[in-house]
Amino acid sequence: MNWIKNFVRPKISGILGTKRDVPENMWVKCPETGEMVFYRDLEANHFVIPRSGYHMRMAPEARMKHTFDDEKWTDIALPDVVVDPLKFRDERKYADRLKEARAKADRKDAIVAGRGHIDGLEAVAVVQDFAFMGGSLGMAAGEGIVTAMFEAADNKLPLILYAASGGARMQEGILSLMQLPRTTVGVQRLREAGVPYIVVLTHPTTGGVTASYAMLGDVHIAEPGALIGFAGPRVIEQTIREKLPDGFQRSEYLREHGMVDMVVHRHEMRATLSNVLHMLMKQPTPARAVQLPAPEAPQSEAVPADTGA
């Protein structure tokens, strides 16, 4: 056995050549249709599946590049907070989970904030990273959002928040829930400063995040097919023991029922944000920004299947 393993197999491998390693993310499967899309093509299309139009999750850095002029922005320094204040442990220590998430994402928590320009108008953007522990709101994320809000208010800059979260971070207990009123105070500071607060609801936005700052914007924009709500549809069905309407809690359904102002395709998101911000800041509309579409009559639209997020 050792002779075959140590001598014969290496000889055969040398004759046939070494198989090249293929990156796992070279091809991405559409959750809705099963279509396989080359990763670079998907990235060039702002992570929207070309044929189905399904909006995949977008990393914070990609969001920032897509939002700001020349893909440039200045990061807002986010304060440090106490790590694992409750010494929480379930199957694993929370400290270990947090350490793993930080290493994988190469950031401290689920929030990225920065200042840049959108068609020449300076603004602050905050992006929640769902890949970081489900975008859950803990002390660090709450502190980051509040810091960005105060930065925008103090400098009289509009703020755009891309929401993507499963809710409060259970491992931080009541300290996580305390971030909900704190972020509400941040929203109030923006209003007192007289600057716009625009919320872009992406898939998924649920839990306490939806019950607080994600639904307190001056304008609410949703991406197509995004799941938006407090409790998930399966939980609601099990509670009321009734079948929910088709598309319930999806962007298009919420627009038809007055919960969001508009549903905007990702390719049109930057121009839409530019138009809205320039209008609310009483600045001339940039020539290259497209005009806002007229409200459409309610119609049935295909929505992506729930991915279980």
C-alpha atoms as a PDB file:
ATOM      1  CA  MET A   1       0.000   0.000   0.000  1.00  0.00           C
ATOM      2  CA  ASN A   2       2.800   2.416   0.873  1.00  0.00           C
ATOM      3  CA  TRP A   3       4.548   1.594  -2.429  1.00  0.00           C
ATOM      4  CA  ILE A   4       1.398   2.434  -4.400  1.00  0.00           C
ATOM      5  CA  LYS A   5       0.747   5.579  -2.396  1.00  0.00           C
ATOM      6  CA  ASN A   6       4.285   6.898  -2.272  1.00  0.00           C
ATOM      7  CA  PHE A   7       5.624   5.825  -5.683  1.00  0.00           C
ATOM      8  CA  VAL A   8       2.953   4.796  -8.207  1.00  0.00           C
ATOM      9  CA  ARG A   9       0.420   7.575  -7.523  1.00  0.00           C
ATOM     10  CA  PRO A  10       2.960  10.436  -7.766  1.00  0.00           C
ATOM     11  CA  LYS A  11       4.234   8.967 -11.068  1.00  0.00           C
ATOM     12  CA  ILE A  12       0.727   8.845 -12.512  1.00  0.00           C
ATOM     13  CA  SER A  13       0.001  12.377 -11.300  1.00  0.00           C
ATOM     14  CA  GLY A  14       3.210  13.578 -12.937  1.00  0.00           C
ATOM     15  CA  ILE A  15       2.229  12.034 -16.283  1.00  0.00           C
ATOM     16  CA  LEU A  16      -1.364  13.297 -16.258  1.00  0.00           C
ATOM     17  CA  GLY A  17      -0.456  16.697 -14.879  1.00  0.00           C
ATOM     18  CA  THR A  18      -1.667  18.440 -11.741  1.00  0.00           C
ATOM     19  CA  LYS A  19      -5.299  19.459 -11.641  1.00  0.00           C
ATOM     20  CA  ARG A  20      -5.696  23.169 -11.151  1.00  0.00           C
ATOM     21  CA  ASP A  21      -7.739  24.364  -8.206  1.00  0.00           C
ATOM     22  CA  VAL A  22     -10.968  26.058  -9.264  1.00  0.00           C
ATOM     23  CA  PRO A  23     -12.198  28.868  -7.000  1.00  0.00           C
ATOM     24  CA  GLU A  24     -15.467  27.975  -5.304  1.00  0.00           C
ATOM     25  CA  ASN A  25     -17.099  31.267  -6.244  1.00  0.00           C
ATOM     26  CA  MET A  26     -16.277  31.173  -9.944  1.00  0.00           C
ATOM     27  CA  TRP A  27     -19.894  30.290 -10.757  1.00  0.00           C
ATOM     28  CA  VAL A  28     -22.945  31.516  -8.849  1.00  0.00           C
ATOM     29  CA  LYS A  29     -26.329  29.796  -8.921  1.00  0.00           C
ATOM     30  CA  CYS A  30     -29.492  31.873  -9.135  1.00  0.00           C
ATOM     31  CA  PRO A  31     -31.716  30.945  -6.141  1.00  0.00           C
ATOM     32  CA  GLU A  32     -34.820  31.575  -8.232  1.00  0.00           C
ATOM     33  CA  THR A  33     -34.158  29.801 -11.548  1.00  0.00           C
ATOM     34  CA  GLY A  34     -31.044  27.716 -10.914  1.00  0.00           C
ATOM     35  CA  GLU A  35     -29.184  29.549 -13.689  1.00  0.00           C
ATOM     36  CA  MET A  36     -25.385  29.434 -13.355  1.00  0.00           C
ATOM     37  CA  VAL A  37     -23.695  32.813 -13.844  1.00  0.00           C
ATOM     38  CA  PHE A  38     -19.976  33.473 -14.133  1.00  0.00           C
ATOM     39  CA  TYR A  39     -18.923  35.460 -11.065  1.00  0.00           C
ATOM     40  CA  ARG A  40     -17.167  38.225 -12.990  1.00  0.00           C
ATOM     41  CA  ASP A  41     -20.228  38.740 -15.173  1.00  0.00           C
ATOM     42  CA  LEU A  42     -22.400  38.882 -12.061  1.00  0.00           C
ATOM     43  CA  GLU A  43     -20.051  41.386 -10.441  1.00  0.00           C
ATOM     44  CA  ALA A  44     -20.080  43.581 -13.561  1.00  0.00           C
ATOM     45  CA  ASN A  45     -23.896  43.483 -13.459  1.00  0.00           C
ATOM     46  CA  HIS A  46     -23.951  44.751  -9.840  1.00  0.00           C
ATOM     47  CA  PHE A  47     -24.802  41.256  -8.574  1.00  0.00           C
ATOM     48  CA  VAL A  48     -28.110  41.048 -10.432  1.00  0.00           C
ATOM     49  CA  ILE A  49     -28.782  37.772 -12.282  1.00  0.00           C
ATOM     50  CA  PRO A  50     -29.049  38.863 -15.951  1.00  0.00           C
ATOM     51  CA  ARG A  51     -32.021  36.764 -17.069  1.00  0.00           C
ATOM     52  CA  SER A  52     -34.181  36.479 -13.953  1.00  0.00           C
ATOM     53  CA  GLY A  53     -33.320  39.894 -12.499  1.00  0.00           C
ATOM     54  CA  TYR A  54     -32.823  38.312  -9.078  1.00  0.00           C
ATOM     55  CA  HIS A  55     -30.925  40.680  -6.769  1.00  0.00           C
ATOM     56  CA  MET A  56     -28.146  38.819  -4.988  1.00  0.00           C
ATOM     57  CA  ARG A  57     -26.684  40.144  -1.758  1.00  0.00           C
ATOM     58  CA  MET A  58     -24.048  42.805  -2.270  1.00  0.00           C
ATOM     59  CA  ALA A  59     -20.933  43.281  -0.122  1.00  0.00           C
ATOM     60  CA  PRO A  60     -20.585  46.666   1.652  1.00  0.00           C
ATOM     61  CA  GLU A  61     -17.557  47.686  -0.395  1.00  0.00           C
ATOM     62  CA  ALA A  62     -19.445  46.998  -3.630  1.00  0.00           C
ATOM     63  CA  ARG A  63     -22.361  49.056  -2.325  1.00  0.00           C
ATOM     64  CA  MET A  64     -20.071  51.961  -1.568  1.00  0.00           C
ATOM     65  CA  LYS A  65     -18.462  51.811  -5.004  1.00  0.00           C
ATOM     66  CA  HIS A  66     -21.858  51.714  -6.665  1.00  0.00           C
ATOM     67  CA  THR A  67     -23.096  54.672  -4.608  1.00  0.00           C
ATOM     68  CA  PHE A  68     -20.298  57.243  -4.697  1.00  0.00           C
ATOM     69  CA  ASP A  69     -18.698  59.189  -7.545  1.00  0.00           C
ATOM     70  CA  ASP A  70     -15.574  57.559  -9.023  1.00  0.00           C
ATOM     71  CA  GLU A  71     -16.052  54.687  -6.511  1.00  0.00           C
ATOM     72  CA  LYS A  72     -14.285  56.791  -3.862  1.00  0.00           C
ATOM     73  CA  TRP A  73     -15.260  57.542  -0.289  1.00  0.00           C
ATOM     74  CA  THR A  74     -13.689  58.265   3.111  1.00  0.00           C
ATOM     75  CA  ASP A  75     -14.353  55.738   5.867  1.00  0.00           C
ATOM     76  CA  ILE A  76     -15.929  57.025   9.061  1.00  0.00           C
ATOM     77  CA  ALA A  77     -14.048  55.723  12.081  1.00  0.00           C
ATOM     78  CA  LEU A  78     -16.382  53.639  14.219  1.00  0.00           C
ATOM     79  CA  PRO A  79     -15.786  53.479  17.983  1.00  0.00           C
ATOM     80  CA  ASP A  80     -14.776  50.302  19.788  1.00  0.00           C
ATOM     81  CA  VAL A  81     -17.169  48.652  22.218  1.00  0.00           C
ATOM     82  CA  VAL A  82     -16.894  45.968  24.881  1.00  0.00           C
ATOM     83  CA  VAL A  83     -16.554  42.515  23.348  1.00  0.00           C
ATOM     84  CA  ASP A  84     -18.924  39.835  24.699  1.00  0.00           C
ATOM     85  CA  PRO A  85     -20.191  41.866  27.684  1.00  0.00           C
ATOM     86  CA  LEU A  86     -22.487  39.048  28.860  1.00  0.00           C
ATOM     87  CA  LYS A  87     -19.930  36.232  28.416  1.00  0.00           C
ATOM     88  CA  PHE A  88     -22.594  34.463  26.377  1.00  0.00           C
ATOM     89  CA  ARG A  89     -22.285  30.853  25.335  1.00  0.00           C
ATOM     90  CA  ASP A  90     -24.587  28.427  23.564  1.00  0.00           C
ATOM     91  CA  GLU A  91     -23.033  25.658  21.470  1.00  0.00           C
ATOM     92  CA  ARG A  92     -19.957  27.883  21.187  1.00  0.00           C
ATOM     93  CA  LYS A  93     -18.647  30.942  22.934  1.00  0.00           C
ATOM     94  CA  TYR A  94     -19.934  34.192  21.474  1.00  0.00           C
ATOM     95  CA  ALA A  95     -16.380  35.535  21.617  1.00  0.00           C
ATOM     96  CA  ASP A  96     -15.265  32.703  19.313  1.00  0.00           C
ATOM     97  CA  ARG A  97     -18.148  33.307  16.883  1.00  0.00           C
ATOM     98  CA  LEU A  98     -17.337  37.002  16.783  1.00  0.00           C
ATOM     99  CA  LYS A  99     -13.654  36.350  16.230  1.00  0.00           C
ATOM    100  CA  GLU A 100     -14.428  34.018  13.333  1.00  0.00           C
ATOM    101  CA  ALA A 101     -16.847  36.495  11.748  1.00  0.00           C
ATOM    102  CA  ARG A 102     -14.317  39.317  12.026  1.00  0.00           C
ATOM    103  CA  ALA A 103     -11.590  37.245  10.425  1.00  0.00           C
ATOM    104  CA  LYS A 104     -13.854  36.186   7.565  1.00  0.00           C
ATOM    105  CA  ALA A 105     -15.194  39.692   6.859  1.00  0.00           C
ATOM    106  CA  ASP A 106     -11.967  41.560   7.689  1.00  0.00           C
ATOM    107  CA  ARG A 107     -13.933  44.151   9.669  1.00  0.00           C
ATOM    108  CA  LYS A 108     -14.972  44.616  13.287  1.00  0.00           C
ATOM    109  CA  ASP A 109     -18.705  44.251  12.813  1.00  0.00           C
ATOM    110  CA  ALA A 110     -21.645  44.325  10.428  1.00  0.00           C
ATOM    111  CA  ILE A 111     -21.496  48.077   9.687  1.00  0.00           C
ATOM    112  CA  VAL A 112     -19.512  50.057   7.114  1.00  0.00           C
ATOM    113  CA  ALA A 113     -19.911  53.854   6.998  1.00  0.00           C
ATOM    114  CA  GLY A 114     -18.310  56.483   4.803  1.00  0.00           C
ATOM    115  CA  ARG A 115     -18.531  59.971   3.278  1.00  0.00           C
ATOM    116  CA  GLY A 116     -18.418  60.663  -0.422  1.00  0.00           C
ATOM    117  CA  HIS A 117     -20.143  62.448  -3.285  1.00  0.00           C
ATOM    118  CA  ILE A 118     -23.165  61.448  -5.355  1.00  0.00           C
ATOM    119  CA  ASP A 119     -23.187  63.478  -8.565  1.00  0.00           C
ATOM    120  CA  GLY A 120     -21.241  66.146  -6.733  1.00  0.00           C
ATOM    121  CA  LEU A 121     -23.468  66.233  -3.634  1.00  0.00           C
ATOM    122  CA  GLU A 122     -21.653  65.140  -0.461  1.00  0.00           C
ATOM    123  CA  ALA A 123     -23.453  62.492   1.589  1.00  0.00           C
ATOM    124  CA  VAL A 124     -22.938  59.836   4.246  1.00  0.00           C
ATOM    125  CA  ALA A 125     -23.717  56.179   3.519  1.00  0.00           C
ATOM    126  CA  VAL A 126     -24.122  53.311   5.973  1.00  0.00           C
ATOM    127  CA  VAL A 127     -24.224  49.689   4.794  1.00  0.00           C
ATOM    128  CA  GLN A 128     -25.202  46.656   6.851  1.00  0.00           C
ATOM    129  CA  ASP A 129     -23.368  43.456   5.978  1.00  0.00           C
ATOM    130  CA  PHE A 130     -25.691  40.452   6.147  1.00  0.00           C
ATOM    131  CA  ALA A 131     -22.706  38.131   5.738  1.00  0.00           C
ATOM    132  CA  PHE A 132     -21.498  39.257   9.183  1.00  0.00           C
ATOM    133  CA  MET A 133     -23.619  37.198  11.582  1.00  0.00           C
ATOM    134  CA  GLY A 134     -26.762  37.876   9.587  1.00  0.00           C
ATOM    135  CA  GLY A 135     -26.302  41.635   9.811  1.00  0.00           C
ATOM    136  CA  SER A 136     -27.516  41.396  13.396  1.00  0.00           C
ATOM    137  CA  LEU A 137     -27.645  44.576  15.432  1.00  0.00           C
ATOM    138  CA  GLY A 138     -25.376  44.506  18.464  1.00  0.00           C
ATOM    139  CA  MET A 139     -23.558  47.150  20.451  1.00  0.00           C
ATOM    140  CA  ALA A 140     -20.864  47.677  17.815  1.00  0.00           C
ATOM    141  CA  ALA A 141     -23.336  47.965  14.933  1.00  0.00           C
ATOM    142  CA  GLY A 142     -25.606  50.267  16.925  1.00  0.00           C
ATOM    143  CA  GLU A 143     -22.695  52.487  17.902  1.00  0.00           C
ATOM    144  CA  GLY A 144     -21.562  52.590  14.273  1.00  0.00           C
ATOM    145  CA  ILE A 145     -24.984  53.643  12.987  1.00  0.00           C
ATOM    146  CA  VAL A 146     -25.376  56.331  15.645  1.00  0.00           C
ATOM    147  CA  THR A 147     -21.865  57.645  14.959  1.00  0.00           C
ATOM    148  CA  ALA A 148     -22.621  57.933  11.240  1.00  0.00           C
ATOM    149  CA  MET A 149     -25.935  59.672  11.954  1.00  0.00           C
ATOM    150  CA  PHE A 150     -24.279  62.215  14.236  1.00  0.00           C
ATOM    151  CA  GLU A 151     -21.552  62.750  11.637  1.00  0.00           C
ATOM    152  CA  ALA A 152     -24.197  63.517   9.020  1.00  0.00           C
ATOM    153  CA  ALA A 153     -26.201  65.771  11.349  1.00  0.00           C
ATOM    154  CA  ASP A 154     -23.173  67.743  12.577  1.00  0.00           C
ATOM    155  CA  ASN A 155     -21.999  68.369   9.004  1.00  0.00           C
ATOM    156  CA  LYS A 156     -25.468  68.967   7.528  1.00  0.00           C
ATOM    157  CA  LEU A 157     -25.096  66.018   5.143  1.00  0.00           C
ATOM    158  CA  PRO A 158     -27.843  63.668   3.926  1.00  0.00           C
ATOM    159  CA  LEU A 159     -27.605  60.057   5.049  1.00  0.00           C
ATOM    160  CA  ILE A 160     -28.344  56.894   3.064  1.00  0.00           C
ATOM    161  CA  LEU A 161     -28.725  53.638   4.972  1.00  0.00           C
ATOM    162  CA  TYR A 162     -28.701  50.264   3.205  1.00  0.00           C
ATOM    163  CA  ALA A 163     -30.553  47.958   5.590  1.00  0.00           C
ATOM    164  CA  ALA A 164     -29.936  44.207   5.593  1.00  0.00           C
ATOM    165  CA  SER A 165     -30.430  42.385   8.856  1.00  0.00           C
ATOM    166  CA  GLY A 166     -32.044  39.489  10.644  1.00  0.00           C
ATOM    167  CA  GLY A 167     -32.711  41.656  13.710  1.00  0.00           C
ATOM    168  CA  ALA A 168     -31.133  42.121  17.119  1.00  0.00           C
ATOM    169  CA  ARG A 169     -28.089  40.052  18.130  1.00  0.00           C
ATOM    170  CA  MET A 170     -29.338  37.536  20.656  1.00  0.00           C
ATOM    171  CA  GLN A 171     -25.885  36.948  22.145  1.00  0.00           C
ATOM    172  CA  GLU A 172     -25.903  40.497  23.541  1.00  0.00           C
ATOM    173  CA  GLY A 173     -29.382  40.284  25.031  1.00  0.00           C
ATOM    174  CA  ILE A 174     -30.865  43.516  26.397  1.00  0.00           C
ATOM    175  CA  LEU A 175     -27.748  45.446  25.371  1.00  0.00           C
ATOM    176  CA  SER A 176     -28.638  44.679  21.759  1.00  0.00           C
ATOM    177  CA  LEU A 177     -32.247  45.792  22.206  1.00  0.00           C
ATOM    178  CA  MET A 178     -31.020  49.062  23.714  1.00  0.00           C
ATOM    179  CA  GLN A 179     -29.559  49.959  20.311  1.00  0.00           C
ATOM    180  CA  LEU A 180     -33.067  50.340  18.881  1.00  0.00           C
ATOM    181  CA  PRO A 181     -33.977  53.477  20.881  1.00  0.00           C
ATOM    182  CA  ARG A 182     -30.404  54.761  20.505  1.00  0.00           C
ATOM    183  CA  THR A 183     -30.632  54.660  16.722  1.00  0.00           C
ATOM    184  CA  THR A 184     -34.040  56.344  16.968  1.00  0.00           C
ATOM    185  CA  VAL A 185     -32.326  59.213  18.786  1.00  0.00           C
ATOM    186  CA  GLY A 186     -29.848  59.364  15.893  1.00  0.00           C
ATOM    187  CA  VAL A 187     -32.735  59.683  13.434  1.00  0.00           C
ATOM    188  CA  GLN A 188     -34.151  62.519  15.516  1.00  0.00           C
ATOM    189  CA  ARG A 189     -30.788  64.294  15.346  1.00  0.00           C
ATOM    190  CA  LEU A 190     -30.942  64.110  11.551  1.00  0.00           C
ATOM    191  CA  ARG A 191     -34.405  65.639  11.568  1.00  0.00           C
ATOM    192  CA  GLU A 192     -33.336  68.427  13.904  1.00  0.00           C
ATOM    193  CA  ALA A 193     -30.424  69.155  11.544  1.00  0.00           C
ATOM    194  CA  GLY A 194     -32.853  69.307   8.629  1.00  0.00           C
ATOM    195  CA  VAL A 195     -31.034  66.758   6.452  1.00  0.00           C
ATOM    196  CA  PRO A 196     -32.642  63.882   4.500  1.00  0.00           C
ATOM    197  CA  TYR A 197     -32.526  60.323   5.792  1.00  0.00           C
ATOM    198  CA  ILE A 198     -33.021  57.798   2.981  1.00  0.00           C
ATOM    199  CA  VAL A 199     -33.434  54.077   3.733  1.00  0.00           C
ATOM    200  CA  VAL A 200     -32.782  51.455   1.068  1.00  0.00           C
ATOM    201  CA  LEU A 201     -34.368  48.173   2.139  1.00  0.00           C
ATOM    202  CA  THR A 202     -32.529  45.136   0.777  1.00  0.00           C
ATOM    203  CA  HIS A 203     -33.060  41.398   1.152  1.00  0.00           C
ATOM    204  CA  PRO A 204     -33.667  40.612   3.960  1.00  0.00           C
ATOM    205  CA  THR A 205     -34.619  43.377   6.428  1.00  0.00           C
ATOM    206  CA  THR A 206     -36.383  41.863   9.423  1.00  0.00           C
ATOM    207  CA  GLY A 207     -36.723  41.863  13.189  1.00  0.00           C
ATOM    208  CA  GLY A 208     -35.993  44.795  15.454  1.00  0.00           C
ATOM    209  CA  VAL A 209     -34.158  46.639  12.685  1.00  0.00           C
ATOM    210  CA  THR A 210     -37.436  46.894  10.761  1.00  0.00           C
ATOM    211  CA  ALA A 211     -39.182  47.985  13.952  1.00  0.00           C
ATOM    212  CA  SER A 212     -36.792  50.901  14.447  1.00  0.00           C
ATOM    213  CA  TYR A 213     -34.466  52.927  12.224  1.00  0.00           C
ATOM    214  CA  ALA A 214     -35.171  50.995   8.994  1.00  0.00           C
ATOM    215  CA  MET A 215     -38.741  52.330   8.931  1.00  0.00           C
ATOM    216  CA  LEU A 216     -38.038  55.879  10.127  1.00  0.00           C
ATOM    217  CA  GLY A 217     -36.633  57.295   6.902  1.00  0.00           C
ATOM    218  CA  ASP A 218     -37.924  60.319   5.030  1.00  0.00           C
ATOM    219  CA  VAL A 219     -38.026  58.148   1.909  1.00  0.00           C
ATOM    220  CA  HIS A 220     -38.100  54.346   1.800  1.00  0.00           C
ATOM    221  CA  ILE A 221     -36.732  52.636  -1.293  1.00  0.00           C
ATOM    222  CA  ALA A 222     -36.736  48.844  -1.667  1.00  0.00           C
ATOM    223  CA  GLU A 223     -34.899  46.546  -4.026  1.00  0.00           C
ATOM    224  CA  PRO A 224     -37.064  44.142  -6.049  1.00  0.00           C
ATOM    225  CA  GLY A 225     -38.125  40.986  -4.242  1.00  0.00           C
ATOM    226  CA  ALA A 226     -36.625  41.944  -0.878  1.00  0.00           C
ATOM    227  CA  LEU A 227     -38.131  40.318   2.213  1.00  0.00           C
ATOM    228  CA  ILE A 228     -39.137  43.120   4.588  1.00  0.00           C
ATOM    229  CA  GLY A 229     -40.989  42.620   7.859  1.00  0.00           C
ATOM    230  CA  PHE A 230     -40.772  42.051  11.595  1.00  0.00           C
ATOM    231  CA  ALA A 231     -41.493  38.344  11.973  1.00  0.00           C
ATOM    232  CA  GLY A 232     -40.833  35.949   9.105  1.00  0.00           C
ATOM    233  CA  PRO A 233     -43.736  34.672   6.967  1.00  0.00           C
ATOM    234  CA  ARG A 234     -43.386  31.106   8.259  1.00  0.00           C
ATOM    235  CA  VAL A 235     -43.667  32.302  11.867  1.00  0.00           C
ATOM    236  CA  ILE A 236     -46.765  34.348  11.025  1.00  0.00           C
ATOM    237  CA  GLU A 237     -48.426  31.432   9.239  1.00  0.00           C
ATOM    238  CA  GLN A 238     -47.745  29.122  12.177  1.00  0.00           C
ATOM    239  CA  THR A 239     -49.136  31.712  14.591  1.00  0.00           C
ATOM    240  CA  ILE A 240     -52.369  32.659  12.790  1.00  0.00           C
ATOM    241  CA  ARG A 241     -52.738  29.233  11.114  1.00  0.00           C
ATOM    242  CA  GLU A 242     -53.650  30.790   7.798  1.00  0.00           C
ATOM    243  CA  LYS A 243     -52.016  30.926   4.393  1.00  0.00           C
ATOM    244  CA  LEU A 244     -50.499  34.334   3.651  1.00  0.00           C
ATOM    245  CA  PRO A 245     -51.130  36.145   0.332  1.00  0.00           C
ATOM    246  CA  ASP A 246     -48.685  35.572  -2.512  1.00  0.00           C
ATOM    247  CA  GLY A 247     -45.704  37.904  -2.273  1.00  0.00           C
ATOM    248  CA  PHE A 248     -46.518  38.835   1.324  1.00  0.00           C
ATOM    249  CA  GLN A 249     -43.753  40.944   2.944  1.00  0.00           C
ATOM    250  CA  ARG A 250     -41.981  41.378  -0.392  1.00  0.00           C
ATOM    251  CA  SER A 251     -41.041  44.786  -1.772  1.00  0.00           C
ATOM    252  CA  GLU A 252     -43.751  44.907  -4.415  1.00  0.00           C
ATOM    253  CA  TYR A 253     -46.482  43.891  -1.955  1.00  0.00           C
ATOM    254  CA  LEU A 254     -45.358  46.539   0.539  1.00  0.00           C
ATOM    255  CA  ARG A 255     -45.299  49.223  -2.139  1.00  0.00           C
ATOM    256  CA  GLU A 256     -48.862  48.380  -3.143  1.00  0.00           C
ATOM    257  CA  HIS A 257     -49.937  48.653   0.501  1.00  0.00           C
ATOM    258  CA  GLY A 258     -48.112  51.899   1.263  1.00  0.00           C
ATOM    259  CA  MET A 259     -45.230  50.570   3.381  1.00  0.00           C
ATOM    260  CA  VAL A 260     -42.474  51.677   1.002  1.00  0.00           C
ATOM    261  CA  ASP A 261     -42.361  54.617  -1.392  1.00  0.00           C
ATOM    262  CA  MET A 262     -40.821  52.917  -4.413  1.00  0.00           C
ATOM    263  CA  VAL A 263     -39.212  49.705  -5.645  1.00  0.00           C
ATOM    264  CA  VAL A 264     -36.084  50.457  -7.645  1.00  0.00           C
ATOM    265  CA  HIS A 265     -33.906  48.109  -9.690  1.00  0.00           C
ATOM    266  CA  ARG A 266     -30.284  48.150  -8.575  1.00  0.00           C
ATOM    267  CA  HIS A 267     -29.135  49.457 -11.958  1.00  0.00           C
ATOM    268  CA  GLU A 268     -31.273  52.559 -11.402  1.00  0.00           C
ATOM    269  CA  MET A 269     -30.581  52.935  -7.690  1.00  0.00           C
ATOM    270  CA  ARG A 270     -27.726  55.428  -7.878  1.00  0.00           C
ATOM    271  CA  ALA A 271     -29.549  57.770 -10.265  1.00  0.00           C
ATOM    272  CA  THR A 272     -32.699  57.544  -8.143  1.00  0.00           C
ATOM    273  CA  LEU A 273     -30.800  58.356  -4.950  1.00  0.00           C
ATOM    274  CA  SER A 274     -29.109  61.259  -6.713  1.00  0.00           C
ATOM    275  CA  ASN A 275     -32.435  62.692  -7.855  1.00  0.00           C
ATOM    276  CA  VAL A 276     -34.083  62.299  -4.452  1.00  0.00           C
ATOM    277  CA  LEU A 277     -31.158  63.819  -2.541  1.00  0.00           C
ATOM    278  CA  HIS A 278     -30.737  66.762  -4.893  1.00  0.00           C
ATOM    279  CA  MET A 279     -34.453  67.462  -4.697  1.00  0.00           C
ATOM    280  CA  LEU A 280     -34.605  67.262  -0.901  1.00  0.00           C
ATOM    281  CA  MET A 281     -31.432  69.336  -0.515  1.00  0.00           C
ATOM    282  CA  LYS A 282     -32.870  71.884  -2.982  1.00  0.00           C
ATOM    283  CA  GLN A 283     -29.969  71.453  -5.394  1.00  0.00           C
ATOM    284  CA  PRO A 284     -30.194  71.421  -9.218  1.00  0.00           C
ATOM    285  CA  THR A 285     -30.814  67.955 -10.599  1.00  0.00           C
ATOM    286  CA  PRO A 286     -27.639  66.642 -12.312  1.00  0.00           C
ATOM    287  CA  ALA A 287     -27.895  66.309 -16.059  1.00  0.00           C
ATOM    288  CA  ARG A 288     -26.716  62.687 -16.041  1.00  0.00           C
ATOM    289  CA  ALA A 289     -29.230  61.503 -13.457  1.00  0.00           C
ATOM    290  CA  VAL A 290     -32.392  59.957 -14.875  1.00  0.00           C
ATOM    291  CA  GLN A 291     -35.761  61.401 -13.955  1.00  0.00           C
ATOM    292  CA  LEU A 292     -37.804  59.577 -11.342  1.00  0.00           C
ATOM    293  CA  PRO A 293     -40.391  57.238 -12.917  1.00  0.00           C
ATOM    294  CA  ALA A 294     -44.075  58.012 -12.523  1.00  0.00           C
ATOM    295  CA  PRO A 295     -45.943  55.820 -10.005  1.00  0.00           C
ATOM    296  CA  GLU A 296     -47.062  52.588 -11.604  1.00  0.00           C
ATOM    297  CA  ALA A 297     -50.428  50.967 -11.196  1.00  0.00           C
ATOM    298  CA  PRO A 298     -50.330  47.946  -8.865  1.00  0.00           C
ATOM    299  CA  GLN A 299     -49.581  44.801 -10.773  1.00  0.00           C
ATOM    300  CA  SER A 300     -48.503  41.289  -9.980  1.00  0.00           C
ATOM    301  CA  GLU A 301     -44.764  40.873 -10.199  1.00  0.00           C
ATOM    302  CA  ALA A 302     -42.591  37.826  -9.917  1.00  0.00           C
ATOM    303  CA  VAL A 303     -40.757  37.679  -6.624  1.00  0.00           C
ATOM    304  CA  PRO A 304     -37.751  35.554  -5.763  1.00  0.00           C
ATOM    305  CA  ALA A 305     -38.223  32.503  -3.649  1.00  0.00           C
ATOM    306  CA  ASP A 306     -37.339  32.794   0.020  1.00  0.00           C
ATOM    307  CA  THR A 307     -33.745  31.623   0.452  1.00  0.00           C
ATOM    308  CA  GLY A 308     -34.334  30.810   4.098  1.00  0.00           C
ATOM    309  CA  ALA A 309     -32.396  33.885   5.267  1.00  0.00           C
END
